[in-house]
């Protein structure tokens, strides 16, 4: 199926059985011959493949900014969230929302609970720097999830 966008008609869809094995092979070979012999610009004038364009710059990954969804598995004990918030704050990461559900009562020791954080826009580089510090916390358990949010 092929979608074609037209100025007057908008998007139109075309489908069919196709040209068949031999006609398709012939067309592909003809296109390759046109490319090899230098006739492609005549055969495909509308594709605009032969104009020089200025190169565009790609932003280095540490400078790419997004909002982020962070999910931690943490021991349910005092000061855990404060430690995480302190590390994120010192690395320039602003928190938009935080969710931590109450852990079930347990006599067997400390419970592990999920802690979900949504950040404001920040850079990937800041998250990497914070990760190095977060790795040092003994209150975090695997896995730790970090996903960029497309706005």
N, C-alpha and C. Protein backbone atom coordinates (compact mmCIF):
# COMPACT_ATOMS: atom_id res chain seq x y z
N UNK A 1 0.85 -1.16 0.00
CA UNK A 1 0.00 0.00 0.00
C UNK A 1 0.90 1.24 0.00
N UNK A 2 0.50 2.23 -0.77
CA UNK A 2 1.27 3.45 -0.90
C UNK A 2 0.39 4.63 -0.50
N UNK A 3 0.94 5.53 0.29
CA UNK A 3 0.24 6.76 0.66
C UNK A 3 0.87 7.90 -0.11
N UNK A 4 0.02 8.73 -0.71
CA UNK A 4 0.48 9.90 -1.45
C UNK A 4 -0.24 11.11 -0.89
N UNK A 5 0.52 12.15 -0.54
CA UNK A 5 -0.06 13.39 -0.04
C UNK A 5 -0.12 14.39 -1.19
N UNK A 6 -1.33 14.90 -1.45
CA UNK A 6 -1.51 15.89 -2.51
C UNK A 6 -1.97 17.21 -1.92
N UNK A 7 -1.61 18.32 -2.58
CA UNK A 7 -2.00 19.64 -2.09
C UNK A 7 -3.51 19.79 -2.01
N UNK A 8 -4.22 19.37 -3.04
CA UNK A 8 -5.67 19.58 -3.10
C UNK A 8 -6.45 18.46 -2.45
N UNK A 9 -5.97 17.22 -2.55
CA UNK A 9 -6.77 16.08 -2.08
C UNK A 9 -6.36 15.56 -0.72
N UNK A 10 -5.22 15.98 -0.19
CA UNK A 10 -4.74 15.43 1.08
C UNK A 10 -4.09 14.08 0.86
N UNK A 11 -4.22 13.19 1.83
CA UNK A 11 -3.59 11.87 1.74
C UNK A 11 -4.51 10.91 1.00
N UNK A 12 -3.94 10.22 -0.01
CA UNK A 12 -4.68 9.18 -0.73
C UNK A 12 -3.89 7.89 -0.63
N UNK A 13 -4.60 6.76 -0.71
CA UNK A 13 -3.98 5.44 -0.56
C UNK A 13 -4.19 4.62 -1.83
N UNK A 14 -3.14 3.90 -2.22
CA UNK A 14 -3.21 3.06 -3.41
C UNK A 14 -2.72 1.66 -3.06
N UNK A 15 -3.45 0.67 -3.56
CA UNK A 15 -3.02 -0.72 -3.34
C UNK A 15 -3.36 -1.52 -4.58
N UNK A 16 -2.66 -2.62 -4.74
CA UNK A 16 -2.91 -3.48 -5.89
C UNK A 16 -1.97 -4.66 -5.87
N UNK A 17 -2.11 -5.49 -6.87
CA UNK A 17 -1.32 -6.72 -6.93
C UNK A 17 0.13 -6.45 -7.31
N UNK A 18 0.43 -5.30 -7.90
CA UNK A 18 1.80 -5.00 -8.28
C UNK A 18 2.05 -5.38 -9.72
N UNK A 19 3.24 -5.09 -10.21
CA UNK A 19 3.56 -5.29 -11.62
C UNK A 19 3.94 -6.73 -11.93
N UNK A 20 4.32 -7.48 -10.93
CA UNK A 20 4.76 -8.86 -11.18
C UNK A 20 6.26 -8.96 -11.16
N UNK A 21 6.73 -10.19 -11.14
CA UNK A 21 8.14 -10.47 -10.95
C UNK A 21 9.02 -9.89 -12.06
N UNK A 22 8.73 -10.19 -13.31
CA UNK A 22 9.60 -9.77 -14.40
C UNK A 22 9.53 -8.25 -14.66
N UNK A 23 8.34 -7.63 -14.70
CA UNK A 23 8.33 -6.18 -14.90
C UNK A 23 9.03 -5.43 -13.76
N UNK A 24 8.87 -5.90 -12.52
CA UNK A 24 9.53 -5.24 -11.40
C UNK A 24 11.04 -5.37 -11.51
N UNK A 25 11.52 -6.56 -11.83
CA UNK A 25 12.96 -6.77 -12.00
C UNK A 25 13.51 -5.89 -13.10
N UNK A 26 12.78 -5.77 -14.21
CA UNK A 26 13.22 -4.93 -15.32
C UNK A 26 13.32 -3.46 -14.90
N UNK A 27 12.34 -2.98 -14.14
CA UNK A 27 12.35 -1.59 -13.70
C UNK A 27 13.50 -1.32 -12.74
N UNK A 28 13.77 -2.26 -11.83
CA UNK A 28 14.87 -2.08 -10.87
C UNK A 28 16.20 -2.05 -11.61
N UNK A 29 16.40 -2.95 -12.58
CA UNK A 29 17.65 -2.97 -13.34
C UNK A 29 17.80 -1.68 -14.15
N UNK A 30 16.71 -1.20 -14.75
CA UNK A 30 16.77 0.04 -15.51
C UNK A 30 17.18 1.21 -14.61
N UNK A 31 16.65 1.27 -13.40
CA UNK A 31 17.02 2.33 -12.46
C UNK A 31 18.49 2.23 -12.08
N UNK A 32 18.99 1.02 -11.86
CA UNK A 32 20.40 0.83 -11.53
C UNK A 32 21.31 1.25 -12.68
N UNK A 33 20.91 0.91 -13.91
CA UNK A 33 21.69 1.30 -15.08
C UNK A 33 21.72 2.82 -15.19
N UNK A 34 20.56 3.49 -14.96
CA UNK A 34 20.52 4.95 -15.01
C UNK A 34 21.47 5.54 -13.98
N UNK A 35 21.51 4.97 -12.80
CA UNK A 35 22.43 5.47 -11.76
C UNK A 35 23.88 5.26 -12.19
N UNK A 36 24.20 4.07 -12.70
CA UNK A 36 25.58 3.75 -13.06
C UNK A 36 26.07 4.58 -14.24
N UNK A 37 25.19 4.94 -15.17
CA UNK A 37 25.62 5.68 -16.36
C UNK A 37 25.49 7.18 -16.21
N UNK A 38 25.02 7.65 -15.04
CA UNK A 38 24.93 9.08 -14.82
C UNK A 38 23.66 9.72 -15.33
N UNK A 39 22.68 8.91 -15.72
CA UNK A 39 21.41 9.46 -16.22
C UNK A 39 20.36 9.59 -15.12
N UNK A 40 20.70 9.32 -13.88
CA UNK A 40 19.71 9.33 -12.80
C UNK A 40 19.10 10.71 -12.62
N UNK A 41 19.88 11.77 -12.80
CA UNK A 41 19.32 13.12 -12.62
C UNK A 41 18.28 13.43 -13.69
N UNK A 42 18.38 12.80 -14.85
CA UNK A 42 17.36 12.96 -15.89
C UNK A 42 16.16 12.07 -15.62
N UNK A 43 16.40 10.87 -15.12
CA UNK A 43 15.32 9.92 -14.85
C UNK A 43 14.52 10.33 -13.63
N UNK A 44 15.21 10.87 -12.62
CA UNK A 44 14.55 11.23 -11.36
C UNK A 44 14.74 12.72 -11.05
N UNK A 45 14.24 13.62 -11.88
CA UNK A 45 14.51 15.04 -11.66
C UNK A 45 13.86 15.61 -10.42
N UNK A 46 12.78 15.05 -9.97
CA UNK A 46 12.05 15.61 -8.83
C UNK A 46 12.56 15.12 -7.48
N UNK A 47 13.46 14.18 -7.45
CA UNK A 47 13.91 13.64 -6.17
C UNK A 47 14.88 14.57 -5.45
N UNK A 48 15.44 15.54 -6.16
CA UNK A 48 16.29 16.55 -5.54
C UNK A 48 17.47 15.93 -4.78
N UNK A 49 18.07 14.91 -5.37
CA UNK A 49 19.16 14.19 -4.73
C UNK A 49 20.53 14.81 -5.01
N UNK A 50 20.60 15.71 -5.97
CA UNK A 50 21.91 16.14 -6.45
C UNK A 50 22.27 17.56 -6.06
N UNK A 51 21.44 18.22 -5.27
CA UNK A 51 21.78 19.57 -4.83
C UNK A 51 22.68 19.50 -3.60
N UNK A 52 23.59 20.45 -3.54
CA UNK A 52 24.44 20.56 -2.36
C UNK A 52 23.64 21.20 -1.23
N UNK A 53 23.72 20.66 -0.08
CA UNK A 53 23.04 21.21 1.09
C UNK A 53 24.07 21.48 2.18
N UNK A 54 23.86 22.53 2.94
CA UNK A 54 24.79 22.77 4.05
C UNK A 54 24.62 21.67 5.09
N UNK A 55 25.72 21.23 5.67
CA UNK A 55 25.61 20.19 6.71
C UNK A 55 24.88 20.75 7.93
N UNK A 56 24.14 19.88 8.59
CA UNK A 56 23.47 20.31 9.81
C UNK A 56 24.21 19.71 11.00
N UNK A 57 24.20 20.45 12.08
CA UNK A 57 24.92 19.99 13.26
C UNK A 57 24.04 19.07 14.10
N UNK A 58 24.67 18.13 14.71
CA UNK A 58 23.98 17.21 15.61
C UNK A 58 24.40 17.55 17.03
N UNK A 59 23.43 17.70 17.88
CA UNK A 59 23.72 18.08 19.26
C UNK A 59 24.36 16.89 19.98
N UNK A 60 25.42 17.11 20.74
CA UNK A 60 26.06 16.01 21.48
C UNK A 60 25.05 15.43 22.49
N UNK A 61 25.01 14.09 22.65
CA UNK A 61 24.03 13.46 23.55
C UNK A 61 23.96 14.08 24.95
N UNK A 62 25.07 14.43 25.59
CA UNK A 62 24.94 15.00 26.94
C UNK A 62 24.19 16.33 26.99
N UNK A 63 24.06 17.00 25.84
CA UNK A 63 23.39 18.30 25.81
C UNK A 63 21.91 18.21 25.41
N UNK A 64 21.44 17.02 25.03
CA UNK A 64 20.05 16.86 24.61
C UNK A 64 19.15 16.99 25.84
N UNK A 65 18.14 17.85 25.73
CA UNK A 65 17.25 18.12 26.87
C UNK A 65 15.89 17.48 26.66
N UNK A 66 15.39 16.86 27.71
CA UNK A 66 14.06 16.24 27.75
C UNK A 66 13.56 16.29 29.17
N UNK A 67 12.29 15.99 29.32
CA UNK A 67 11.79 15.62 30.64
C UNK A 67 12.07 14.12 30.77
N UNK A 68 12.18 13.64 31.98
CA UNK A 68 12.49 12.22 32.19
C UNK A 68 11.55 11.59 33.21
N UNK A 69 11.24 10.33 32.95
CA UNK A 69 10.53 9.47 33.89
C UNK A 69 11.61 8.63 34.56
N UNK A 70 11.69 8.69 35.87
CA UNK A 70 12.67 7.91 36.64
C UNK A 70 11.91 7.00 37.58
N UNK A 71 12.32 5.75 37.64
CA UNK A 71 11.70 4.80 38.58
C UNK A 71 12.81 4.11 39.36
N UNK A 72 12.72 4.25 40.68
CA UNK A 72 13.69 3.65 41.58
C UNK A 72 12.99 2.59 42.43
N UNK A 73 13.69 1.56 42.78
CA UNK A 73 13.25 0.63 43.83
C UNK A 73 14.09 0.97 45.04
N UNK A 74 13.42 1.40 46.12
CA UNK A 74 14.15 1.90 47.28
C UNK A 74 13.74 1.16 48.54
N UNK A 75 14.66 1.10 49.48
CA UNK A 75 14.32 0.59 50.80
C UNK A 75 13.41 1.59 51.48
N UNK A 76 12.37 1.10 52.13
CA UNK A 76 11.42 1.97 52.80
C UNK A 76 11.97 2.31 54.18
N UNK A 77 12.81 3.36 54.19
CA UNK A 77 13.38 3.81 55.46
C UNK A 77 13.58 5.32 55.41
N UNK A 78 13.94 5.87 56.52
CA UNK A 78 14.08 7.31 56.65
C UNK A 78 15.16 7.87 55.72
N UNK A 79 14.90 9.04 55.18
CA UNK A 79 15.86 9.88 54.46
C UNK A 79 16.20 9.39 53.06
N UNK A 80 15.58 8.30 52.57
CA UNK A 80 15.92 7.79 51.24
C UNK A 80 15.55 8.79 50.16
N UNK A 81 14.31 9.28 50.21
CA UNK A 81 13.90 10.24 49.20
C UNK A 81 14.73 11.52 49.30
N UNK A 82 15.04 11.95 50.49
CA UNK A 82 15.84 13.17 50.68
C UNK A 82 17.22 13.01 50.03
N UNK A 83 17.81 11.82 50.16
CA UNK A 83 19.12 11.57 49.52
C UNK A 83 19.02 11.65 47.99
N UNK A 84 17.97 11.04 47.44
CA UNK A 84 17.78 11.05 45.98
C UNK A 84 17.52 12.48 45.50
N UNK A 85 16.62 13.20 46.18
CA UNK A 85 16.30 14.57 45.79
C UNK A 85 17.53 15.47 45.89
N UNK A 86 18.35 15.25 46.91
CA UNK A 86 19.57 16.05 47.07
C UNK A 86 20.52 15.82 45.90
N UNK A 87 20.72 14.58 45.52
CA UNK A 87 21.63 14.27 44.40
C UNK A 87 21.09 14.87 43.11
N UNK A 88 19.80 14.69 42.84
CA UNK A 88 19.23 15.25 41.62
C UNK A 88 19.33 16.77 41.62
N UNK A 89 19.02 17.40 42.75
CA UNK A 89 19.10 18.86 42.85
C UNK A 89 20.50 19.40 42.65
N UNK A 90 21.49 18.75 43.26
CA UNK A 90 22.87 19.21 43.11
C UNK A 90 23.36 19.09 41.67
N UNK A 91 22.70 18.22 40.89
CA UNK A 91 23.06 18.06 39.48
C UNK A 91 22.16 18.86 38.54
N UNK A 92 21.40 19.79 39.11
CA UNK A 92 20.58 20.68 38.28
C UNK A 92 19.33 20.04 37.71
N UNK A 93 18.82 19.00 38.37
CA UNK A 93 17.63 18.31 37.89
C UNK A 93 16.45 18.69 38.79
N UNK A 94 15.49 19.38 38.21
CA UNK A 94 14.32 19.84 38.94
C UNK A 94 13.22 18.78 38.88
N UNK A 95 12.56 18.55 40.00
CA UNK A 95 11.53 17.52 40.09
C UNK A 95 10.15 18.11 39.83
N UNK A 96 9.38 17.49 38.93
CA UNK A 96 8.04 17.95 38.61
C UNK A 96 7.00 17.22 39.46
N UNK A 97 7.18 15.92 39.68
CA UNK A 97 6.26 15.17 40.53
C UNK A 97 6.95 13.94 41.08
N UNK A 98 6.45 13.48 42.22
CA UNK A 98 7.01 12.32 42.91
C UNK A 98 5.85 11.47 43.40
N UNK A 99 5.94 10.16 43.20
CA UNK A 99 4.94 9.23 43.71
C UNK A 99 5.66 8.10 44.43
N UNK A 100 5.29 7.88 45.68
CA UNK A 100 5.78 6.71 46.43
C UNK A 100 4.60 6.17 47.22
N UNK A 101 4.24 4.94 46.94
CA UNK A 101 3.14 4.32 47.67
C UNK A 101 3.63 3.75 48.98
N UNK A 102 2.73 3.65 49.91
CA UNK A 102 3.07 3.12 51.23
C UNK A 102 3.44 1.64 51.12
N UNK A 103 4.45 1.26 51.86
CA UNK A 103 4.87 -0.14 51.87
C UNK A 103 4.00 -0.92 52.85
N UNK A 104 3.75 -2.18 52.55
CA UNK A 104 3.01 -2.99 53.51
C UNK A 104 3.83 -3.18 54.79
N UNK A 105 3.11 -3.26 55.92
CA UNK A 105 3.79 -3.49 57.20
C UNK A 105 4.47 -4.85 57.16
N UNK A 106 5.71 -4.89 57.66
CA UNK A 106 6.45 -6.14 57.62
C UNK A 106 7.28 -6.28 58.89
N UNK A 107 7.26 -7.46 59.45
CA UNK A 107 8.08 -7.76 60.62
C UNK A 107 9.44 -8.32 60.20
N UNK A 108 9.55 -8.73 58.94
CA UNK A 108 10.75 -9.43 58.48
C UNK A 108 11.91 -8.50 58.13
N UNK A 109 11.74 -7.23 58.24
CA UNK A 109 12.83 -6.31 57.89
C UNK A 109 12.33 -5.20 57.02
N UNK A 110 13.24 -4.58 56.29
CA UNK A 110 12.89 -3.43 55.48
C UNK A 110 12.20 -3.85 54.18
N UNK A 111 11.19 -3.10 53.79
CA UNK A 111 10.48 -3.36 52.54
C UNK A 111 11.09 -2.54 51.42
N UNK A 112 10.92 -3.03 50.20
CA UNK A 112 11.35 -2.29 49.01
C UNK A 112 10.10 -1.76 48.33
N UNK A 113 10.10 -0.47 48.03
CA UNK A 113 8.96 0.17 47.39
C UNK A 113 9.40 0.92 46.14
N UNK A 114 8.51 1.05 45.16
CA UNK A 114 8.85 1.85 43.97
C UNK A 114 8.70 3.33 44.27
N UNK A 115 9.59 4.11 43.72
CA UNK A 115 9.56 5.56 43.83
C UNK A 115 9.64 6.10 42.40
N UNK A 116 8.61 6.84 41.98
CA UNK A 116 8.53 7.35 40.61
C UNK A 116 8.71 8.86 40.64
N UNK A 117 9.60 9.35 39.80
CA UNK A 117 9.90 10.78 39.72
C UNK A 117 9.74 11.21 38.26
N UNK A 118 9.04 12.32 38.06
CA UNK A 118 8.99 12.97 36.75
C UNK A 118 9.77 14.26 36.88
N UNK A 119 10.73 14.48 35.98
CA UNK A 119 11.56 15.68 36.05
C UNK A 119 11.02 16.76 35.14
N UNK A 120 11.47 18.00 35.40
CA UNK A 120 11.30 19.06 34.41
C UNK A 120 12.38 18.83 33.36
N UNK A 121 12.41 19.66 32.32
CA UNK A 121 13.43 19.49 31.28
C UNK A 121 14.82 19.59 31.89
N UNK A 122 15.64 18.66 31.50
CA UNK A 122 17.03 18.64 31.94
C UNK A 122 17.84 17.98 30.84
N UNK A 123 19.16 17.97 30.98
CA UNK A 123 19.99 17.36 29.95
C UNK A 123 20.38 15.94 30.34
N UNK A 124 20.67 15.17 29.32
CA UNK A 124 21.13 13.80 29.53
C UNK A 124 22.45 13.79 30.30
N UNK A 125 23.29 14.77 30.06
CA UNK A 125 24.56 14.88 30.77
C UNK A 125 24.36 15.05 32.27
N UNK A 126 23.37 15.84 32.67
CA UNK A 126 23.08 16.00 34.09
C UNK A 126 22.61 14.69 34.71
N UNK A 127 21.81 13.94 33.95
CA UNK A 127 21.35 12.64 34.47
C UNK A 127 22.52 11.67 34.63
N UNK A 128 23.44 11.69 33.68
CA UNK A 128 24.60 10.81 33.80
C UNK A 128 25.43 11.15 35.03
N UNK A 129 25.60 12.45 35.27
CA UNK A 129 26.35 12.87 36.45
C UNK A 129 25.63 12.44 37.73
N UNK A 130 24.31 12.59 37.75
CA UNK A 130 23.54 12.16 38.93
C UNK A 130 23.61 10.65 39.11
N UNK A 131 23.60 9.90 38.01
CA UNK A 131 23.68 8.44 38.09
C UNK A 131 24.92 7.97 38.83
N UNK A 132 26.03 8.65 38.57
CA UNK A 132 27.28 8.26 39.25
C UNK A 132 27.13 8.38 40.76
N UNK A 133 26.43 9.42 41.21
CA UNK A 133 26.22 9.59 42.65
C UNK A 133 25.13 8.65 43.18
N UNK A 134 24.08 8.45 42.40
CA UNK A 134 23.01 7.55 42.83
C UNK A 134 23.53 6.12 43.01
N UNK A 135 24.51 5.74 42.19
CA UNK A 135 25.10 4.40 42.31
C UNK A 135 25.72 4.16 43.68
N UNK A 136 26.08 5.23 44.38
CA UNK A 136 26.72 5.10 45.69
C UNK A 136 25.74 4.91 46.83
N UNK A 137 24.43 5.11 46.57
CA UNK A 137 23.44 4.98 47.64
C UNK A 137 23.17 3.50 47.94
N UNK A 138 23.22 3.13 49.21
CA UNK A 138 22.95 1.73 49.58
C UNK A 138 21.45 1.45 49.73
N UNK A 139 20.62 2.47 49.55
CA UNK A 139 19.17 2.30 49.70
C UNK A 139 18.47 2.00 48.38
N UNK A 140 19.19 2.02 47.27
CA UNK A 140 18.60 1.73 45.96
C UNK A 140 18.81 0.28 45.57
N UNK A 141 17.81 -0.29 44.93
CA UNK A 141 17.88 -1.66 44.44
C UNK A 141 17.60 -1.68 42.94
N UNK A 142 18.08 -2.68 42.27
CA UNK A 142 17.85 -2.84 40.82
C UNK A 142 16.43 -3.34 40.59
N UNK A 143 15.88 -3.06 39.43
CA UNK A 143 16.40 -2.20 38.38
C UNK A 143 16.03 -0.75 38.61
N UNK A 144 16.79 0.13 38.00
CA UNK A 144 16.51 1.56 38.01
C UNK A 144 16.15 1.92 36.57
N UNK A 145 15.05 2.61 36.37
CA UNK A 145 14.58 2.91 35.02
C UNK A 145 14.65 4.41 34.76
N UNK A 146 15.11 4.76 33.58
CA UNK A 146 15.17 6.16 33.15
C UNK A 146 14.71 6.20 31.70
N UNK A 147 13.64 6.96 31.44
CA UNK A 147 13.13 7.06 30.08
C UNK A 147 12.86 8.52 29.74
N UNK A 148 13.33 8.98 28.58
CA UNK A 148 13.00 10.35 28.17
C UNK A 148 11.51 10.43 27.81
N UNK A 149 10.93 11.59 28.05
CA UNK A 149 9.52 11.82 27.77
C UNK A 149 9.43 12.76 26.58
N UNK A 150 8.72 12.33 25.54
CA UNK A 150 8.54 13.17 24.36
C UNK A 150 7.37 14.11 24.60
N UNK A 151 7.63 15.39 24.53
CA UNK A 151 6.57 16.39 24.70
C UNK A 151 6.14 16.96 23.37
